[in-house]
Amino acid sequence: MIFLCFLKTFSSPFKRTNNSFELLGASVNTNFSVVSLAFNFGFRIGKKDFRKIFGVFALLLLIVIGMPLHILRALPDEKVNTTLHTSGNKILDANNNPIYLKGIGRLGDLDSLNGQWYGIGETYNTNDFKFVTDKNLLNLRINQTLDCYKNVWQVNNIRVFIAVDWWYQDSVNPSIYDNNFPNRTFSYRDYIETVITLAQDRGIYVNFVPYNVFNFYEQTDPQYEGVPLFHYDRPEEWITKINPNQTSFWIDWWGSVVDRIGSYQNVMFEAWNEPEINDVARDPQRWIYYNYLWAVYKTIRIEKNNSNIIFLQYYMNTAPNWKDLSWMQEVYGIISAKLNDEPTNLVFTTHIYRHTPDGFLEPQHRWAYSYDQLKSQIETLLKTGMDNIPIVFNEIGIMTEYKYAATGDDTWVNELSFWRNLLTIAKEKQIGVTAYYWMGTEIWGSRNQALLASNTWKQETPSPMPNQVGQYFIDVFKDESTSTPALPPAPTPVPVDALTIRPQESVRPTTPSPGPTPLVRETFRYESGSFLLYFVIIFPSVFFVGAVYRCYRRRNRI
């Protein structure tokens, strides 16, 4: 009877959720009630009862002492494995629910050892937000930006460029590049892990992408310098000083990556950003690069036994009637032959821009801007790849003034039409997308890869104001319940020399679309182990103290 009373008292402040007891109300009151009950129980029982009951509790205590320490300290909730995996041409979560990857491309992680982030009430510029020494301020900015990504832009992943040399060196003093930079050491790996951790708290995946061998301050040719295993003078010289065998260097480098961040369920690995040899005569040597892809896969999947998603790519971009996806079959064939089995959790990726060197020089290599023509081009492209492996458009955007003057049909109106129709087609075909870049139009020109109308994030607003490109990105994916959305109307013509921005009131948090199962880390939860802690340790201990005190009172006649 007393035991039932104890159980009732114990369980009343708790509720059962997810196979664990979670504490309701003040834990202090609960602790006091249980301790008080145990003490009175021990104080009131007779001598014979004491021997029997205490013997039972002593036996339980011995059993518990024999348990592994991690079981004793808590009985955690069953860990939800939300690491993404693939099945056929789908990306799935742990519950086998399809996941649509919708992301934003970050800017600034090649320029600063802790990135370039800005928050509410701040105006970003490329100089004042580098190498932040105030950790609390940096975390505030990261948290506000990630909240904005999730709640306003409704994205579930971010793509982060990585400087290979900074990751390798880890601890770097930026004053070696410029005397105006702080004269202190920053840990690049700590910063990347911080971003991953804060993103995971929000259910946001992080695509880890090595962009170049050298960071921004060491680059001489940032577009092509350092494609792995090709003989570029400076990268090869730097790598071979560390390890004469370049393949071994990359195996060790990727091993250090997996060792540091591979246990995070929200990490996705991308082998390299836009690998392409800027020389048609050398393109047949792409097989050299394919060997690098095998080394990456082997290191992550076999050497480190890690199952996180791996993105693979060849060519900087695709272009109609020029660069297709036939390389996918080549890469897949090499990896499967090496394995003598099918690769797992592999995703192919490509980049699509309408205004590229290929499309500018040759109109037949330019993506269309009308819905029907563009859809036909995309379907033709997909037929050159593999229909049993997922594909993601991991970098897409608008480019009208970058290096090339707008000519012919390269008007701002047509670019916007291409952009919205590309997003719509990708959504219809469930091809994931990552939009570029998270920056204001002031950075690289008014119509050049920017998603934001301004670099100022106004007070009391959930997001910086998007420009037309950014607003289309938000609008197309606003209603995820519609699997085949109606063809969006062509954008209202705007002057080529003017960027029309949607009103600020259109930027507001919307109901988040269904996303992946929330990401969780395996952390100690006191409440989960409460039953074991109270019933087997605290209760018998205090019960014993009560019984001893009773004997003391009788002997001394208190």
Protein backbone atom coordinates (compact mmCIF):
# COMPACT_ATOMS: atom_id res chain seq x y z
CA MET A 1 0.00 0.00 0.00
CA ILE A 2 2.79 2.36 0.93
CA PHE A 3 4.58 1.41 -2.29
CA LEU A 4 1.48 2.30 -4.35
CA CYS A 5 1.27 5.58 -2.50
CA PHE A 6 4.90 6.25 -3.38
CA LEU A 7 4.33 5.41 -7.04
CA LYS A 8 1.33 7.70 -7.21
CA THR A 9 3.22 10.52 -5.56
CA PHE A 10 6.21 9.96 -7.81
CA SER A 11 4.34 9.79 -11.09
CA SER A 12 1.93 12.66 -10.52
CA PRO A 13 4.36 15.44 -11.45
CA PHE A 14 5.28 13.66 -14.69
CA LYS A 15 3.72 12.92 -18.02
CA ARG A 16 4.62 10.20 -20.47
CA THR A 17 5.91 11.43 -23.82
CA ASN A 18 8.16 9.79 -26.39
CA ASN A 19 8.97 6.82 -24.15
CA SER A 20 10.24 9.00 -21.35
CA PHE A 21 8.98 10.81 -18.31
CA GLU A 22 9.19 14.57 -18.62
CA LEU A 23 9.03 16.71 -15.55
CA LEU A 24 6.08 19.05 -15.12
CA GLY A 25 6.26 21.94 -12.71
CA ALA A 26 9.01 22.70 -10.26
CA SER A 27 11.54 19.95 -9.82
CA VAL A 28 12.30 21.18 -6.32
CA ASN A 29 8.80 20.35 -5.08
CA THR A 30 8.95 16.92 -6.70
CA ASN A 31 12.32 16.15 -5.16
CA PHE A 32 11.08 17.22 -1.73
CA SER A 33 7.92 15.11 -1.90
CA VAL A 34 9.80 11.98 -2.90
CA VAL A 35 12.53 12.45 -0.30
CA SER A 36 9.98 13.18 2.41
CA LEU A 37 7.95 10.10 1.55
CA ALA A 38 11.05 7.88 1.58
CA PHE A 39 12.20 9.19 4.93
CA ASN A 40 8.81 8.66 6.55
CA PHE A 41 8.54 5.21 5.01
CA GLY A 42 11.87 4.20 6.53
CA PHE A 43 11.04 5.80 9.88
CA ARG A 44 7.70 4.03 10.35
CA ILE A 45 8.35 0.41 9.38
CA GLY A 46 9.10 -2.29 11.88
CA LYS A 47 12.39 -4.10 12.40
CA LYS A 48 11.41 -7.26 10.49
CA ASP A 49 9.88 -5.31 7.63
CA PHE A 50 12.99 -3.20 7.48
CA ARG A 51 15.21 -6.22 6.93
CA LYS A 52 13.04 -7.60 4.11
CA ILE A 53 12.43 -4.35 2.28
CA PHE A 54 15.95 -3.06 2.67
CA GLY A 55 17.25 -6.36 1.32
CA VAL A 56 15.24 -5.87 -1.85
CA PHE A 57 16.44 -2.30 -2.28
CA ALA A 58 20.03 -3.35 -1.60
CA LEU A 59 19.78 -5.96 -4.35
CA LEU A 60 18.45 -3.37 -6.77
CA LEU A 61 21.25 -1.02 -5.81
CA LEU A 62 23.87 -3.69 -6.53
CA ILE A 63 22.32 -4.31 -9.94
CA VAL A 64 22.43 -0.61 -10.74
CA ILE A 65 26.04 -0.30 -9.62
CA GLY A 66 26.89 -3.03 -12.11
CA MET A 67 25.32 -1.09 -14.97
CA PRO A 68 27.45 0.93 -17.36
CA LEU A 69 27.89 4.48 -16.17
CA HIS A 70 26.12 6.02 -19.18
CA ILE A 71 23.00 3.97 -18.36
CA LEU A 72 23.14 4.90 -14.70
CA ARG A 73 23.36 8.63 -15.28
CA ALA A 74 20.36 8.68 -17.65
CA LEU A 75 18.01 6.61 -19.67
CA PRO A 76 17.91 8.87 -22.73
CA ASP A 77 15.04 9.11 -25.14
CA GLU A 78 15.48 6.83 -28.08
CA LYS A 79 17.80 8.78 -30.34
CA VAL A 80 16.07 9.89 -33.52
CA ASN A 81 18.43 9.27 -36.41
CA THR A 82 17.69 12.05 -38.85
CA THR A 83 20.74 11.59 -41.04
CA LEU A 84 19.53 11.82 -44.62
CA HIS A 85 19.76 8.82 -46.91
CA THR A 86 18.81 8.04 -50.47
CA SER A 87 16.52 5.51 -52.07
CA GLY A 88 16.38 5.51 -55.84
CA ASN A 89 16.20 9.12 -56.95
CA LYS A 90 14.78 10.35 -53.64
CA ILE A 91 16.41 11.88 -50.58
CA LEU A 92 14.71 10.60 -47.43
CA ASP A 93 14.85 11.22 -43.69
CA ALA A 94 15.10 8.50 -41.04
CA ASN A 95 11.35 7.88 -41.26
CA ASN A 96 11.64 7.44 -45.04
CA ASN A 97 9.82 10.70 -45.69
CA PRO A 98 10.97 12.47 -48.87
CA ILE A 99 13.01 15.58 -48.14
CA TYR A 100 13.04 18.50 -50.55
CA LEU A 101 16.31 20.39 -50.16
CA LYS A 102 15.78 24.13 -50.47
CA GLY A 103 18.79 26.18 -49.55
CA ILE A 104 20.63 29.47 -49.57
CA GLY A 105 24.26 30.03 -50.56
CA ARG A 106 26.38 31.77 -47.96
CA LEU A 107 28.83 34.56 -48.70
CA GLY A 108 31.90 35.40 -46.63
CA ASP A 109 33.32 32.15 -45.29
CA LEU A 110 36.36 32.35 -47.57
CA ASP A 111 37.03 35.93 -46.46
CA SER A 112 36.87 35.59 -42.69
CA LEU A 113 37.82 32.88 -40.22
CA ASN A 114 34.40 33.22 -38.59
CA GLY A 115 32.41 34.18 -41.65
CA GLN A 116 30.54 37.39 -42.30
CA TRP A 117 27.19 37.55 -40.51
CA TYR A 118 25.03 40.51 -39.65
CA GLY A 119 21.84 40.81 -37.64
CA ILE A 120 18.78 42.90 -36.95
CA GLY A 121 19.41 46.64 -36.99
CA GLU A 122 22.78 46.33 -38.76
CA THR A 123 24.05 47.31 -42.19
CA TYR A 124 26.47 44.86 -43.72
CA ASN A 125 29.64 45.83 -45.54
CA THR A 126 32.54 43.68 -46.66
CA ASN A 127 35.05 45.17 -44.20
CA ASP A 128 33.49 45.59 -40.75
CA PHE A 129 32.01 42.11 -40.30
CA LYS A 130 35.17 40.06 -40.68
CA PHE A 131 37.11 38.37 -37.89
CA VAL A 132 34.64 39.19 -35.13
CA THR A 133 36.29 38.94 -31.72
CA ASP A 134 33.08 39.18 -29.65
CA LYS A 135 31.81 35.59 -29.55
CA ASN A 136 28.43 36.56 -28.07
CA LEU A 137 27.85 39.11 -30.83
CA LEU A 138 28.85 36.61 -33.49
CA ASN A 139 26.50 33.95 -32.12
CA LEU A 140 23.67 36.50 -31.91
CA ARG A 141 24.11 37.35 -35.58
CA ILE A 142 24.29 33.71 -36.62
CA ASN A 143 21.19 32.84 -34.59
CA GLN A 144 19.18 35.74 -36.00
CA THR A 145 20.18 34.85 -39.56
CA LEU A 146 19.39 31.17 -39.16
CA ASP A 147 16.00 32.05 -37.65
CA CYS A 148 15.39 34.27 -40.68
CA TYR A 149 16.36 31.46 -43.06
CA LYS A 150 14.02 29.00 -41.38
CA ASN A 151 10.99 31.16 -40.59
CA VAL A 152 10.85 33.68 -43.44
CA TRP A 153 12.73 32.07 -46.31
CA GLN A 154 11.67 28.57 -45.23
CA VAL A 155 14.92 26.90 -46.23
CA ASN A 156 16.21 23.69 -44.71
CA ASN A 157 19.87 23.87 -45.72
CA ILE A 158 22.70 26.31 -46.24
CA ARG A 159 25.72 25.86 -48.49
CA VAL A 160 29.00 26.94 -46.87
CA PHE A 161 32.20 27.39 -48.87
CA ILE A 162 35.38 26.13 -47.21
CA ALA A 163 38.98 27.25 -47.70
CA VAL A 164 41.11 24.09 -47.71
CA ASP A 165 44.19 25.78 -46.23
CA TRP A 166 42.25 27.37 -43.36
CA TRP A 167 40.66 24.05 -42.44
CA TYR A 168 44.05 22.35 -42.54
CA GLN A 169 45.79 25.04 -40.48
CA ASP A 170 42.78 25.63 -38.22
CA SER A 171 44.37 28.23 -35.94
CA VAL A 172 45.20 31.33 -37.97
CA ASN A 173 46.09 34.91 -37.06
CA PRO A 174 44.49 37.18 -39.72
CA SER A 175 46.93 40.02 -39.08
CA ILE A 176 49.35 38.17 -41.39
CA TYR A 177 47.10 39.25 -44.26
CA ASP A 178 46.39 42.82 -43.21
CA ASN A 179 47.64 44.87 -40.27
CA ASN A 180 44.12 46.20 -39.80
CA PHE A 181 42.82 42.73 -38.95
CA PRO A 182 42.82 41.58 -35.30
CA ASN A 183 46.16 40.36 -34.01
CA ARG A 184 44.81 37.18 -32.45
CA THR A 185 44.29 33.55 -33.37
CA PHE A 186 40.97 32.24 -34.65
CA SER A 187 39.98 28.59 -34.97
CA TYR A 188 38.34 28.00 -38.34
CA ARG A 189 37.19 24.53 -37.36
CA ASP A 190 35.55 25.84 -34.19
CA TYR A 191 33.65 28.38 -36.25
CA ILE A 192 32.40 25.84 -38.80
CA GLU A 193 31.31 23.51 -36.01
CA THR A 194 29.48 26.38 -34.29
CA VAL A 195 27.48 27.07 -37.46
CA ILE A 196 26.64 23.38 -37.80
CA THR A 197 25.52 23.14 -34.17
CA LEU A 198 23.32 26.25 -34.29
CA ALA A 199 21.84 25.14 -37.61
CA GLN A 200 21.09 21.69 -36.24
CA ASP A 201 19.10 23.24 -33.39
CA ARG A 202 16.75 24.60 -36.06
CA GLY A 203 16.56 21.53 -38.27
CA ILE A 204 18.77 23.13 -40.93
CA TYR A 205 21.26 21.03 -42.86
CA VAL A 206 24.74 22.36 -43.67
CA ASN A 207 26.44 21.56 -46.97
CA PHE A 208 30.21 21.56 -46.37
CA VAL A 209 31.85 22.55 -49.67
CA PRO A 210 35.61 22.97 -50.25
CA TYR A 211 35.81 25.84 -52.73
CA ASN A 212 39.50 26.42 -53.23
CA VAL A 213 42.86 25.28 -51.91
CA PHE A 214 43.59 28.81 -50.71
CA ASN A 215 41.58 31.33 -48.74
CA PHE A 216 40.61 34.65 -50.29
CA TYR A 217 43.82 36.42 -49.29
CA GLU A 218 46.07 33.76 -50.84
CA GLN A 219 44.19 33.29 -54.12
CA THR A 220 45.62 34.35 -57.45
CA ASP A 221 43.06 32.72 -59.77
CA PRO A 222 40.04 31.95 -57.57
CA GLN A 223 37.93 30.42 -60.33
CA TYR A 224 40.18 27.58 -61.43
CA GLU A 225 43.04 27.37 -59.00
CA GLY A 226 43.43 24.11 -57.18
CA VAL A 227 41.11 21.52 -58.73
CA PRO A 228 42.24 18.40 -56.82
CA LEU A 229 44.94 16.21 -58.40
CA PHE A 230 45.55 18.58 -61.30
CA HIS A 231 48.96 20.17 -61.57
CA TYR A 232 48.36 23.78 -60.69
CA ASP A 233 51.67 25.28 -59.61
CA ARG A 234 50.84 27.02 -56.32
CA PRO A 235 48.32 24.52 -54.90
CA GLU A 236 50.51 21.59 -55.91
CA GLU A 237 53.54 23.19 -54.29
CA TRP A 238 51.64 23.86 -51.07
CA ILE A 239 50.11 20.38 -50.93
CA THR A 240 53.26 18.44 -51.74
CA LYS A 241 55.16 20.23 -48.97
CA ILE A 242 52.65 18.66 -46.60
CA ASN A 243 52.44 15.29 -48.35
CA PRO A 244 54.30 14.41 -51.58
CA ASN A 245 51.37 12.17 -52.51
CA GLN A 246 48.46 14.47 -53.35
CA THR A 247 45.87 11.72 -53.08
CA SER A 248 47.12 10.90 -49.59
CA PHE A 249 46.86 14.57 -48.66
CA TRP A 250 43.21 14.68 -49.67
CA ILE A 251 42.46 11.43 -47.86
CA ASP A 252 43.97 12.87 -44.68
CA TRP A 253 42.22 16.21 -45.19
CA TRP A 254 38.80 14.64 -45.61
CA GLY A 255 39.54 12.33 -42.71
CA SER A 256 40.06 15.35 -40.47
CA VAL A 257 36.75 16.78 -41.69
CA VAL A 258 34.80 13.63 -40.88
CA ASP A 259 36.54 13.25 -37.53
CA ARG A 260 35.50 16.76 -36.53
CA ILE A 261 31.98 17.16 -37.91
CA GLY A 262 30.94 13.78 -39.28
CA SER A 263 28.93 12.90 -36.17
CA TYR A 264 26.50 15.76 -36.79
CA GLN A 265 23.36 14.48 -38.42
CA ASN A 266 22.76 17.71 -40.35
CA VAL A 267 26.08 17.70 -42.23
CA MET A 268 26.24 17.00 -45.95
CA PHE A 269 29.59 16.69 -47.71
CA GLU A 270 30.25 18.07 -51.18
CA ALA A 271 33.47 16.91 -52.83
CA TRP A 272 34.31 20.20 -54.61
CA ASN A 273 32.67 23.32 -55.96
CA GLU A 274 32.46 23.60 -59.75
CA PRO A 275 35.34 21.31 -60.74
CA GLU A 276 36.24 22.00 -64.32
CA ILE A 277 39.47 22.31 -66.22
CA ASN A 278 39.52 25.59 -68.11
CA ASP A 279 41.08 23.95 -71.13
CA VAL A 280 39.11 21.91 -73.65
CA ALA A 281 42.19 19.93 -74.62
CA ARG A 282 42.63 18.79 -71.02
CA ASP A 283 39.01 17.84 -70.44
CA PRO A 284 39.63 14.15 -71.26
CA GLN A 285 41.83 14.20 -68.17
CA ARG A 286 38.67 14.60 -66.09
CA TRP A 287 39.27 10.96 -65.17
CA ILE A 288 42.06 12.25 -62.94
CA TYR A 289 39.48 14.25 -61.04
CA TYR A 290 37.20 11.21 -60.90
CA ASN A 291 39.96 9.48 -58.93
CA TYR A 292 39.71 12.29 -56.41
CA LEU A 293 35.97 11.69 -56.14
CA TRP A 294 36.64 8.03 -55.41
CA ALA A 295 39.18 9.01 -52.73
CA VAL A 296 36.57 11.30 -51.11
CA TYR A 297 33.89 8.61 -51.18
CA LYS A 298 36.25 5.93 -49.88
CA THR A 299 37.49 8.12 -47.02
CA ILE A 300 34.04 9.16 -45.84
CA ARG A 301 32.15 5.95 -46.42
CA ILE A 302 34.74 3.20 -45.89
CA GLU A 303 37.66 4.55 -43.87
CA LYS A 304 35.51 6.61 -41.53
CA ASN A 305 32.34 4.52 -41.77
CA ASN A 306 30.24 7.67 -42.15
CA SER A 307 26.86 7.54 -43.91
CA ASN A 308 26.14 11.26 -44.41
CA ILE A 309 25.04 12.45 -47.83
CA ILE A 310 27.85 13.03 -50.35
CA PHE A 311 27.36 15.48 -53.25
CA LEU A 312 29.42 14.95 -56.41
CA GLN A 313 29.73 17.23 -59.44
CA TYR A 314 31.66 17.80 -62.62
CA TYR A 315 31.65 20.91 -64.81
CA MET A 316 31.07 24.38 -63.45
CA ASN A 317 27.56 24.40 -64.83
CA THR A 318 25.33 22.83 -67.44
CA ALA A 319 24.48 24.44 -70.76
CA PRO A 320 22.03 23.28 -73.44
CA ASN A 321 23.64 21.47 -76.35
CA TRP A 322 27.03 21.73 -74.69
CA LYS A 323 27.51 20.52 -71.12
CA ASP A 324 25.20 17.74 -70.03
CA LEU A 325 25.07 15.18 -67.23
CA SER A 326 26.75 12.22 -68.93
CA TRP A 327 29.61 12.52 -66.44
CA MET A 328 27.26 11.07 -63.79
CA GLN A 329 27.38 7.62 -65.37
CA GLU A 330 31.17 7.84 -65.62
CA VAL A 331 31.58 8.75 -61.94
CA TYR A 332 29.03 6.22 -60.77
CA GLY A 333 30.70 3.52 -62.84
CA ILE A 334 34.12 4.20 -61.31
CA ILE A 335 32.88 4.17 -57.72
CA SER A 336 30.70 1.09 -58.12
CA ALA A 337 33.56 -0.76 -59.86
CA LYS A 338 35.95 0.09 -57.03
CA LEU A 339 33.40 -1.00 -54.47
CA ASN A 340 32.19 -3.99 -56.40
CA ASP A 341 28.86 -2.79 -55.08
CA GLU A 342 26.40 0.10 -55.39
CA PRO A 343 27.38 3.44 -53.78
CA THR A 344 25.17 4.58 -50.93
CA ASN A 345 23.71 7.98 -50.06
CA LEU A 346 25.15 9.57 -53.16
CA VAL A 347 23.63 12.70 -54.70
CA PHE A 348 24.71 14.37 -57.93
CA THR A 349 24.60 18.12 -58.30
CA THR A 350 24.91 20.71 -61.02
CA HIS A 351 24.64 24.49 -61.36
CA ILE A 352 22.33 26.39 -63.67
CA TYR A 353 22.76 30.02 -64.67
CA ARG A 354 21.25 31.48 -67.78
CA HIS A 355 23.91 34.10 -68.21
CA THR A 356 27.20 32.22 -68.40
CA PRO A 357 30.21 32.43 -70.71
CA ASP A 358 28.79 29.53 -72.74
CA GLY A 359 25.37 31.10 -73.14
CA PHE A 360 26.72 34.57 -73.80
CA LEU A 361 29.06 33.50 -76.56
CA GLU A 362 26.71 31.03 -78.24
CA PRO A 363 22.92 31.63 -78.06
CA GLN A 364 22.24 27.93 -78.72
CA HIS A 365 23.90 27.18 -75.35
CA ARG A 366 21.67 29.62 -73.46
CA TRP A 367 18.83 28.55 -71.22
CA ALA A 368 15.39 29.68 -72.32
CA TYR A 369 13.31 32.00 -70.15
CA SER A 370 9.82 30.86 -71.16
CA TYR A 371 8.29 28.07 -69.08
CA ASP A 372 7.65 25.57 -71.90
CA GLN A 373 11.02 25.97 -73.58
CA LEU A 374 12.93 25.87 -70.32
CA LYS A 375 11.07 22.79 -69.14
CA SER A 376 11.87 21.03 -72.41
CA GLN A 377 15.56 21.91 -71.97
CA ILE A 378 15.60 20.65 -68.37
CA GLU A 379 13.94 17.37 -69.35
CA THR A 380 16.46 16.88 -72.15
CA LEU A 381 19.27 17.55 -69.68
CA LEU A 382 17.96 15.04 -67.14
CA LYS A 383 17.82 12.29 -69.76
CA THR A 384 21.62 12.52 -70.13
CA GLY A 385 22.11 11.73 -66.45
CA MET A 386 20.84 8.90 -64.24
CA ASP A 387 17.22 8.48 -63.23
CA ASN A 388 18.00 6.26 -60.22
CA ILE A 389 20.22 8.77 -58.37
CA PRO A 390 18.98 12.03 -56.80
CA ILE A 391 20.05 15.28 -58.40
CA VAL A 392 20.06 18.74 -56.83
CA PHE A 393 20.55 22.12 -58.50
CA ASN A 394 22.98 23.11 -55.79
CA GLU A 395 23.66 26.59 -57.12
CA ILE A 396 21.29 28.68 -59.21
CA GLY A 397 20.87 32.39 -59.63
CA ILE A 398 20.65 35.40 -61.90
CA MET A 399 23.67 36.93 -63.60
CA THR A 400 23.30 39.84 -65.99
CA GLU A 401 26.18 42.19 -65.34
CA TYR A 402 28.99 39.97 -64.18
CA LYS A 403 31.87 40.20 -66.68
CA TYR A 404 29.49 40.36 -69.63
CA ALA A 405 27.31 43.18 -70.85
CA ALA A 406 23.60 42.44 -71.30
CA THR A 407 22.86 41.97 -74.98
CA GLY A 408 20.04 40.63 -77.13
CA ASP A 409 17.44 38.87 -74.99
CA ASP A 410 19.59 39.21 -71.84
CA THR A 411 17.28 41.75 -70.28
CA TRP A 412 16.36 41.98 -66.64
CA VAL A 413 12.75 41.01 -67.37
CA ASN A 414 13.81 37.84 -69.18
CA GLU A 415 16.23 36.94 -66.42
CA LEU A 416 13.46 37.20 -63.86
CA SER A 417 11.18 35.06 -66.02
CA PHE A 418 13.92 32.43 -66.33
CA TRP A 419 14.44 32.50 -62.57
CA ARG A 420 10.84 32.03 -61.56
CA ASN A 421 10.21 29.35 -64.17
CA LEU A 422 13.38 27.47 -63.19
CA LEU A 423 12.26 27.44 -59.53
CA THR A 424 8.78 26.27 -60.54
CA ILE A 425 10.09 23.46 -62.74
CA ALA A 426 12.53 22.32 -60.07
CA LYS A 427 9.72 22.23 -57.54
CA GLU A 428 7.45 20.27 -59.87
CA LYS A 429 10.17 17.71 -60.50
CA GLN A 430 11.26 17.68 -56.85
CA ILE A 431 14.79 18.72 -57.71
CA GLY A 432 16.33 20.52 -54.77
CA VAL A 433 17.66 24.05 -55.24
CA THR A 434 20.12 26.40 -53.55
CA ALA A 435 19.76 30.09 -54.35
CA TYR A 436 22.73 32.45 -54.59
CA TYR A 437 23.77 34.73 -52.84
CA TRP A 438 22.71 35.93 -49.40
CA MET A 439 23.81 39.51 -49.99
CA GLY A 440 22.46 42.89 -50.97
CA THR A 441 22.56 44.29 -54.45
CA GLU A 442 25.25 46.81 -53.47
CA ILE A 443 27.93 44.14 -53.21
CA TRP A 444 28.45 42.97 -56.80
CA GLY A 445 26.12 45.23 -58.77
CA SER A 446 22.38 45.78 -58.83
CA ARG A 447 21.52 42.67 -60.86
CA ASN A 448 24.15 40.15 -59.99
CA GLN A 449 23.46 37.04 -57.91
CA ALA A 450 21.91 38.98 -55.01
CA LEU A 451 18.82 37.85 -53.11
CA LEU A 452 18.48 40.98 -50.97
CA ALA A 453 17.42 44.50 -51.96
CA SER A 454 19.69 46.09 -49.39
CA ASN A 455 22.44 45.23 -46.96
CA THR A 456 20.49 46.94 -44.17
CA TRP A 457 18.47 44.72 -41.86
CA LYS A 458 15.87 47.06 -40.40
CA GLN A 459 14.89 47.00 -36.76
CA GLU A 460 11.91 44.86 -35.77
CA THR A 461 11.80 43.01 -39.09
CA PRO A 462 12.22 39.24 -39.38
CA SER A 463 14.39 39.46 -42.50
CA PRO A 464 16.34 41.89 -44.64
CA MET A 465 14.15 43.00 -47.54
CA PRO A 466 14.38 40.62 -50.50
CA ASN A 467 14.74 41.94 -54.00
CA GLN A 468 12.62 40.52 -56.81
CA VAL A 469 14.89 37.50 -57.12
CA GLY A 470 14.63 36.74 -53.42
CA GLN A 471 10.89 37.39 -53.30
CA TYR A 472 10.27 34.94 -56.15
CA PHE A 473 12.32 32.37 -54.27
CA ILE A 474 10.05 32.83 -51.24
CA ASP A 475 6.80 32.92 -53.24
CA VAL A 476 7.34 29.85 -55.42
CA PHE A 477 7.81 27.59 -52.42
CA LYS A 478 5.29 29.22 -50.12
CA ASP A 479 2.62 26.55 -50.64
CA GLU A 480 4.41 23.21 -50.36
CA SER A 481 1.10 21.33 -50.36
CA THR A 482 0.68 22.02 -54.07
CA SER A 483 2.60 19.35 -55.95
CA THR A 484 1.85 20.72 -59.43
CA PRO A 485 1.54 24.49 -59.13
CA ALA A 486 -0.05 26.52 -61.85
CA LEU A 487 2.29 28.15 -64.31
CA PRO A 488 3.31 31.44 -62.74
CA PRO A 489 2.62 34.52 -64.81
CA ALA A 490 5.54 36.25 -66.40
CA PRO A 491 6.83 39.09 -64.22
CA THR A 492 5.51 42.56 -64.90
CA PRO A 493 8.00 44.30 -67.17
CA VAL A 494 10.31 46.63 -65.30
CA PRO A 495 12.80 49.14 -66.63
CA VAL A 496 16.11 47.53 -67.36
CA ASP A 497 17.92 50.18 -65.34
CA ALA A 498 15.66 49.98 -62.31
CA LEU A 499 15.22 47.27 -59.71
CA THR A 500 11.64 47.20 -58.49
CA ILE A 501 11.32 45.86 -54.98
CA ARG A 502 8.21 44.36 -53.47
CA PRO A 503 6.79 46.24 -50.48
CA GLN A 504 8.34 45.43 -47.12
CA GLU A 505 5.03 44.17 -45.72
CA SER A 506 5.24 41.20 -48.06
CA VAL A 507 8.16 39.94 -46.02
CA ARG A 508 6.68 38.27 -42.99
CA PRO A 509 7.01 34.91 -41.32
CA THR A 510 4.81 32.35 -43.02
CA THR A 511 3.67 28.98 -41.85
CA PRO A 512 6.74 26.77 -42.23
CA SER A 513 6.43 24.07 -44.82
CA PRO A 514 6.74 20.44 -43.77
CA GLY A 515 10.38 19.74 -43.18
CA PRO A 516 12.58 16.90 -42.02
CA THR A 517 12.20 15.22 -38.69
CA PRO A 518 13.72 17.67 -36.17
CA LEU A 519 17.41 17.11 -35.75
CA VAL A 520 18.54 16.07 -32.31
CA ARG A 521 21.86 15.46 -30.65
CA GLU A 522 22.41 12.78 -28.07
CA THR A 523 22.59 14.84 -24.90
CA PHE A 524 22.12 13.99 -21.25
CA ARG A 525 18.53 14.47 -20.12
CA TYR A 526 17.98 14.34 -16.38
CA GLU A 527 14.23 13.84 -16.68
CA SER A 528 14.61 10.75 -18.85
CA GLY A 529 16.43 8.86 -16.14
CA SER A 530 14.29 10.10 -13.29
CA PHE A 531 12.51 6.83 -12.62
CA LEU A 532 15.80 4.95 -12.26
CA LEU A 533 17.35 7.76 -10.25
CA TYR A 534 14.48 8.08 -7.79
CA PHE A 535 13.31 4.51 -7.43
CA VAL A 536 16.66 2.72 -7.24
CA ILE A 537 19.03 5.28 -5.74
CA ILE A 538 17.44 8.24 -4.00
CA PHE A 539 14.40 6.54 -2.49
CA PRO A 540 16.24 3.57 -0.91
CA SER A 541 19.04 5.82 0.30
CA VAL A 542 16.72 8.23 2.07
CA PHE A 543 14.59 5.29 3.25
CA PHE A 544 17.69 3.80 4.88
CA VAL A 545 18.51 7.13 6.54
CA GLY A 546 14.97 7.25 7.96
CA ALA A 547 15.25 3.73 9.32
CA VAL A 548 18.63 4.43 10.94
CA TYR A 549 17.30 7.62 12.48
CA ARG A 550 14.37 5.66 13.94
CA CYS A 551 16.76 3.18 15.55
CA TYR A 552 18.80 6.06 16.90
CA ARG A 553 15.73 7.64 18.46
CA ARG A 554 14.70 4.35 20.11
CA ARG A 555 18.16 3.70 21.53
CA ASN A 556 18.50 7.17 22.93
CA ARG A 557 14.82 7.46 23.80
CA ILE A 558 14.46 10.78 22.00
